[in-house]
Amino acid sequence: MNPRGLRAGVYVDVENIARNGGRGMRFDTLRQYATRDGADAIRLNAYLAFDEERAHRDFDYRSRATRYHFALRDVGFKVIEKPVQWYTNEDGARVSKANSDLDLAVDMLLQSAKLDRVVLVSGDGDFVQVVRALQNMGCRVELIGFQGVSYDLRCESDLFVSGYLIPGLLPTAVKSAAPAPAKPPAWGEAGSRVRGTCYHYNAEKGFGFLRYLSRLGDLTVTDTRDPDSPYREAFFHRTQGPANLDLSVLPNRDMVFDFLLVPGREGKMEANELSLVVNYAQHLRPAPAGDSRPGRGPVARPAPTMEEAERAAPSPAPASPAPPHEPAAWGRTGLDEPPAPPSGGTR
């Protein structure tokens, strides 16, 4: 047991995360996050669907699934498989179902007596009541999600951290046309791409500051001037932002940007080539009609992400830099690419 005696449990809704921007997540980094202050990893559970029917007839699917599951076990995770069930609906079409929510919720509740910190990796709002129950049992609940994260779940958790902001959890894309260096710069070093949020913006002068995590540590120490803070800041000018970014919504903690770190003045970092990765404000609880209280009225819509732009009406719109592509595999066979969900989707 570590000196502080903290006991941590990690519960990953793999299917939810893979569908919502987290494909390629590094489970070894996730464990490091959960134990960042010397806590002991008591439980590390990963819940995912497995199509036994397909595995019997598809050797490639069975082989990739097996490699993926054992890669998770290699970094300490217990793999809990939810068999995919196939049904024929009223239209005669075959549909699949493999929902691990109940299994995950029950395990968290049963195991919480031996835990101090629960790290839930999901964006599913169905876990709100479970989070409350865990807190009433004395557990601190931390939430990690990527896209499509429930607003109520974010509010109910003791701490919400976007998975995009945790160093190395989801590798950043290389956007340069130049050949990649033999050894890419580490997250936070000059020449690396990192992700952060805008905490200050001077509209009159057109510049601001982005805050990003440079390492794991006490995430509540957000003042970058504090030597104990794991956060660092980078200066940016509005000309480095997406062409269609609505600057009037800055600063904004709900918008996560991907950017390139370059050396600046006086040894400080500057941020170039900003692109919007996700905007969590789009998942806020709808405000009542006519409610004009601060934070209750309609939320100004900032720059759309690439996915939204593709779904938009065909009328011409200013082009914006694409958000990071899916990261390349890191060489851990099966770890970064879980088997594709069965046709028809899982619910």
Foldseek 3Di string as FASTA:
>chain_A
DDPVAAEEAEEEAPVQQCVFPQQQFDVLLVVCQRCVPPHHHPAAEYEDEDEPVVVVVPVVQVVLQVLQQVLNVVSPYDYDYFYWDWDQDPVRDIAIAGDCVVVRLVVCLVCLLSHAEYEYEHQDPVCLVSLVSSVVSRHQYEYEHAGNHAPSNCVSHPYYDYLQQAFPRFAFFDDDPDDADPDQDGPPDAFGKGKFAWPFADPVQQKGKTKGFQHHAPCVPRPQVDPRHRIAMAIEGNVQEWPQFDCVCPRDRQWMWIFGWHQDPPRGTHTHNIDTRGGCVVNDDQAPPPDPPVPRDDDDDTDDAPVVVVVDDPDDDDDTDHGTDRDDHPPSRSNNHNDDDDPNDYD
